[in-house]
C-alpha atoms as a PDB file:
ATOM      1  CA  MET A   1      33.060 132.253 148.142  1.00  0.00           C
ATOM      2  CA  MET A   2      31.485 133.260 144.888  1.00  0.00           C
ATOM      3  CA  LYS A   3      33.326 136.431 144.866  1.00  0.00           C
ATOM      4  CA  ASN A   4      36.730 134.703 145.170  1.00  0.00           C
ATOM      5  CA  SER A   5      35.800 132.450 142.180  1.00  0.00           C
ATOM      6  CA  ARG A   6      35.100 135.651 140.054  1.00  0.00           C
ATOM      7  CA  ASN A   7      38.328 137.340 141.012  1.00  0.00           C
ATOM      8  CA  ASN A   8      40.313 134.251 140.062  1.00  0.00           C
ATOM      9  CA  SER A   9      38.686 134.057 136.718  1.00  0.00           C
ATOM     10  CA  LYS A  10      39.263 137.731 136.192  1.00  0.00           C
ATOM     11  CA  MET A  11      43.061 137.295 137.069  1.00  0.00           C
ATOM     12  CA  MET A  12      43.349 134.221 134.726  1.00  0.00           C
ATOM     13  CA  ALA A  13      41.792 136.129 131.886  1.00  0.00           C
ATOM     14  CA  GLY A  14      44.074 139.101 132.512  1.00  0.00           C
ATOM     15  CA  ALA A  15      47.236 136.900 132.706  1.00  0.00           C
ATOM     16  CA  LEU A  16      46.157 135.094 129.521  1.00  0.00           C
ATOM     17  CA  ALA A  17      45.705 138.517 127.700  1.00  0.00           C
ATOM     18  CA  ILE A  18      49.102 139.656 128.816  1.00  0.00           C
ATOM     19  CA  PHE A  19      50.688 136.378 127.851  1.00  0.00           C
ATOM     20  CA  ALA A  20      49.026 136.471 124.330  1.00  0.00           C
ATOM     21  CA  THR A  21      50.147 140.180 123.830  1.00  0.00           C
ATOM     22  CA  LEU A  22      53.726 139.383 124.771  1.00  0.00           C
ATOM     23  CA  PHE A  23      53.758 136.213 122.471  1.00  0.00           C
ATOM     24  CA  PHE A  24      52.427 137.948 119.391  1.00  0.00           C
ATOM     25  CA  ALA A  25      54.538 141.177 119.922  1.00  0.00           C
ATOM     26  CA  SER A  26      57.755 139.144 120.120  1.00  0.00           C
ATOM     27  CA  CYS A  27      57.391 137.675 116.615  1.00  0.00           C
ATOM     28  CA  VAL A  28      59.889 139.420 114.250  1.00  0.00           C
ATOM     29  CA  ASP A  29      59.939 138.790 110.457  1.00  0.00           C
ATOM     30  CA  GLU A  30      63.622 137.887 109.694  1.00  0.00           C
ATOM     31  CA  PRO A  31      64.945 136.324 106.453  1.00  0.00           C
ATOM     32  CA  ILE A  32      65.922 132.717 106.811  1.00  0.00           C
ATOM     33  CA  GLU A  33      69.051 132.994 104.691  1.00  0.00           C
ATOM     34  CA  GLY A  34      70.845 135.975 103.378  1.00  0.00           C
ATOM     35  CA  PRO A  35      72.805 136.273 100.082  1.00  0.00           C
ATOM     36  CA  ILE A  36      75.944 134.205 100.074  1.00  0.00           C
ATOM     37  CA  GLY A  37      79.036 136.382  99.790  1.00  0.00           C
ATOM     38  CA  GLY A  38      77.040 139.490  99.412  1.00  0.00           C
ATOM     39  CA  GLN A  39      76.119 138.699  95.793  1.00  0.00           C
ATOM     40  CA  VAL A  40      72.438 138.944  95.057  1.00  0.00           C
ATOM     41  CA  GLU A  41      71.159 136.782  92.062  1.00  0.00           C
ATOM     42  CA  THR A  42      67.946 137.313  90.323  1.00  0.00           C
ATOM     43  CA  ILE A  43      66.140 134.686  88.214  1.00  0.00           C
ATOM     44  CA  GLU A  44      67.488 136.280  85.000  1.00  0.00           C
ATOM     45  CA  THR A  45      71.187 135.888  86.186  1.00  0.00           C
ATOM     46  CA  LEU A  46      70.941 132.295  87.347  1.00  0.00           C
ATOM     47  CA  GLN A  47      72.726 129.829  85.019  1.00  0.00           C
ATOM     48  CA  ALA A  48      72.873 126.044  85.111  1.00  0.00           C
ATOM     49  CA  SER A  49      76.077 124.148  84.611  1.00  0.00           C
ATOM     50  CA  GLY A  50      76.953 123.413  81.014  1.00  0.00           C
ATOM     51  CA  THR A  51      76.770 119.654  81.696  1.00  0.00           C
ATOM     52  CA  PHE A  52      73.256 119.901  83.309  1.00  0.00           C
ATOM     53  CA  ASP A  53      70.678 117.873  81.398  1.00  0.00           C
ATOM     54  CA  TRP A  54      67.161 119.577  81.685  1.00  0.00           C
ATOM     55  CA  LYS A  55      65.301 116.534  80.267  1.00  0.00           C
ATOM     56  CA  THR A  56      63.521 114.289  82.617  1.00  0.00           C
ATOM     57  CA  SER A  57      62.552 111.767  79.996  1.00  0.00           C
ATOM     58  CA  GLU A  58      64.193 109.809  77.225  1.00  0.00           C
ATOM     59  CA  LYS A  59      62.964 108.447  73.942  1.00  0.00           C
ATOM     60  CA  ILE A  60      62.888 104.587  74.072  1.00  0.00           C
ATOM     61  CA  THR A  61      62.194 102.306  71.057  1.00  0.00           C
ATOM     62  CA  VAL A  62      60.329  99.137  71.752  1.00  0.00           C
ATOM     63  CA  VAL A  63      60.853  96.369  69.047  1.00  0.00           C
ATOM     64  CA  ILE A  64      58.931  93.150  68.971  1.00  0.00           C
ATOM     65  CA  GLU A  65      59.724  90.472  66.344  1.00  0.00           C
ATOM     66  CA  GLY A  66      56.612  88.766  65.021  1.00  0.00           C
ATOM     67  CA  LEU A  67      56.456  84.909  64.522  1.00  0.00           C
ATOM     68  CA  ALA A  68      56.139  83.383  61.040  1.00  0.00           C
ATOM     69  CA  ILE A  69      52.929  81.360  61.795  1.00  0.00           C
ATOM     70  CA  ASP A  70      50.038  80.316  59.511  1.00  0.00           C
ATOM     71  CA  VAL A  71      47.183  81.061  61.976  1.00  0.00           C
ATOM     72  CA  ASP A  72      45.813  84.433  63.005  1.00  0.00           C
ATOM     73  CA  VAL A  73      46.653  85.037  66.647  1.00  0.00           C
ATOM     74  CA  ILE A  74      45.750  88.576  68.025  1.00  0.00           C
ATOM     75  CA  ARG A  75      46.129  89.252  71.731  1.00  0.00           C
ATOM     76  CA  LYS A  76      46.301  92.319  73.928  1.00  0.00           C
ATOM     77  CA  LEU A  77      49.854  93.652  73.978  1.00  0.00           C
ATOM     78  CA  THR A  78      50.690  95.552  77.156  1.00  0.00           C
ATOM     79  CA  LEU A  79      54.048  97.415  77.868  1.00  0.00           C
ATOM     80  CA  GLU A  80      54.905  98.534  81.335  1.00  0.00           C
ATOM     81  CA  THR A  81      57.896 100.167  83.036  1.00  0.00           C
ATOM     82  CA  GLY A  82      59.901  98.040  85.447  1.00  0.00           C
ATOM     83  CA  GLY A  83      57.851  99.667  88.280  1.00  0.00           C
ATOM     84  CA  GLY A  84      54.567  98.434  86.720  1.00  0.00           C
ATOM     85  CA  ASP A  85      53.478 101.664  85.195  1.00  0.00           C
ATOM     86  CA  GLU A  86      51.437 100.852  81.910  1.00  0.00           C
ATOM     87  CA  PHE A  87      52.451 103.011  79.105  1.00  0.00           C
ATOM     88  CA  PHE A  88      51.037 101.164  76.077  1.00  0.00           C
ATOM     89  CA  ALA A  89      48.116  98.708  75.499  1.00  0.00           C
ATOM     90  CA  GLY A  90      46.523  97.558  72.242  1.00  0.00           C
ATOM     91  CA  ALA A  91      45.713  94.571  70.043  1.00  0.00           C
ATOM     92  CA  GLN A  92      48.635  92.966  68.246  1.00  0.00           C
ATOM     93  CA  ALA A  93      48.812  90.242  65.653  1.00  0.00           C
ATOM     94  CA  MET A  94      51.516  87.628  66.578  1.00  0.00           C
ATOM     95  CA  ASP A  95      52.818  87.363  63.090  1.00  0.00           C
ATOM     96  CA  GLU A  96      53.466  91.103  62.681  1.00  0.00           C
ATOM     97  CA  ASP A  97      56.536  93.059  63.755  1.00  0.00           C
ATOM     98  CA  PHE A  98      55.906  95.900  66.287  1.00  0.00           C
ATOM     99  CA  GLU A  99      58.104  99.029  66.632  1.00  0.00           C
ATOM    100  CA  MET A 100      57.177 102.150  68.466  1.00  0.00           C
ATOM    101  CA  THR A 101      59.070 104.926  70.175  1.00  0.00           C
ATOM    102  CA  PHE A 102      57.976 106.213  73.625  1.00  0.00           C
ATOM    103  CA  ASP A 103      58.903 109.050  75.717  1.00  0.00           C
ATOM    104  CA  LEU A 104      59.550 107.488  79.166  1.00  0.00           C
ATOM    105  CA  PRO A 105      60.948 108.979  82.438  1.00  0.00           C
ATOM    106  CA  ALA A 106      64.669 108.989  82.437  1.00  0.00           C
ATOM    107  CA  HIS A 107      64.864 106.727  85.567  1.00  0.00           C
ATOM    108  CA  VAL A 108      63.163 103.808  83.740  1.00  0.00           C
ATOM    109  CA  THR A 109      65.718 101.152  83.049  1.00  0.00           C
ATOM    110  CA  GLU A 110      63.659  98.126  82.053  1.00  0.00           C
ATOM    111  CA  VAL A 111      60.387  97.313  80.222  1.00  0.00           C
ATOM    112  CA  THR A 112      57.912  94.484  80.723  1.00  0.00           C
ATOM    113  CA  MET A 113      55.957  93.088  77.696  1.00  0.00           C
ATOM    114  CA  LYS A 114      52.818  91.226  78.365  1.00  0.00           C
ATOM    115  CA  TYR A 115      50.979  89.292  75.524  1.00  0.00           C
ATOM    116  CA  GLY A 116      48.362  86.874  76.605  1.00  0.00           C
ATOM    117  CA  ALA A 117      50.184  84.401  78.908  1.00  0.00           C
ATOM    118  CA  ILE A 118      53.697  85.575  77.744  1.00  0.00           C
ATOM    119  CA  GLU A 119      55.382  87.899  80.027  1.00  0.00           C
ATOM    120  CA  GLN A 120      59.002  89.129  79.433  1.00  0.00           C
ATOM    121  CA  LYS A 121      61.032  91.718  81.304  1.00  0.00           C
ATOM    122  CA  LYS A 122      64.105  93.149  79.531  1.00  0.00           C
ATOM    123  CA  ALA A 123      66.563  95.929  80.417  1.00  0.00           C
ATOM    124  CA  ILE A 124      66.736  99.020  78.118  1.00  0.00           C
ATOM    125  CA  SER A 125      70.100  99.232  76.330  1.00  0.00           C
ATOM    126  CA  GLN A 126      71.136 102.174  74.053  1.00  0.00           C
ATOM    127  CA  HIS A 127      67.652 103.642  74.126  1.00  0.00           C
ATOM    128  CA  GLN A 128      66.000 100.466  72.834  1.00  0.00           C
ATOM    129  CA  VAL A 129      64.450  97.171  74.176  1.00  0.00           C
ATOM    130  CA  ALA A 130      63.709  94.193  71.953  1.00  0.00           C
ATOM    131  CA  PHE A 131      61.254  91.331  72.523  1.00  0.00           C
ATOM    132  CA  ASN A 132      59.808  88.383  70.653  1.00  0.00           C
ATOM    133  CA  PHE A 133      56.580  86.238  71.164  1.00  0.00           C
ATOM    134  CA  VAL A 134      58.627  83.093  72.140  1.00  0.00           C
ATOM    135  CA  GLU A 135      58.124  82.366  75.806  1.00  0.00           C
ATOM    136  CA  GLU A 136      61.332  81.286  77.385  1.00  0.00           C
ATOM    137  CA  ARG A 137      61.175  78.114  79.375  1.00  0.00           C
ATOM    138  CA  SER A 138      63.823  76.367  81.421  1.00  0.00           C
ATOM    139  CA  GLU A 139      64.495  72.691  81.526  1.00  0.00           C
ATOM    140  CA  GLU A 140      62.379  72.396  84.809  1.00  0.00           C
ATOM    141  CA  ASP A 141      59.343  73.623  82.946  1.00  0.00           C
ATOM    142  CA  LEU A 142      59.644  70.775  80.337  1.00  0.00           C
ATOM    143  CA  GLU A 143      57.990  67.411  81.160  1.00  0.00           C
ATOM    144  CA  LEU A 144      60.015  64.415  80.371  1.00  0.00           C
END
């Protein structure tokens, strides 16, 4: 009975070795794609279309109009993309104007300004977005 078990093990090991040999011998290295139309291009001969824009970012100017107030109010000013990615944070006096140009990803279409409790979201238009420190309220927010 033990002799049978050994013979079965040897036959299984031999079959496995034959299968592995056939499997690895059947692999042939072939190109996935050949040149289209028989023309071979090199990196030196590749050209982009004349209308292709290589830039993935755009210069956006953020302008914030300060308020004419007689008290010193300084809060943290935060600017974020519409997706919530912060690209500027710093202290800003409420009575001072702010203007700065940023290099933002080309897909960004709006900017959010946070200043203390004030939060405004505006669309970028002609590479610029403008804010002020006046918090907009609807009539529902006003108590009569």
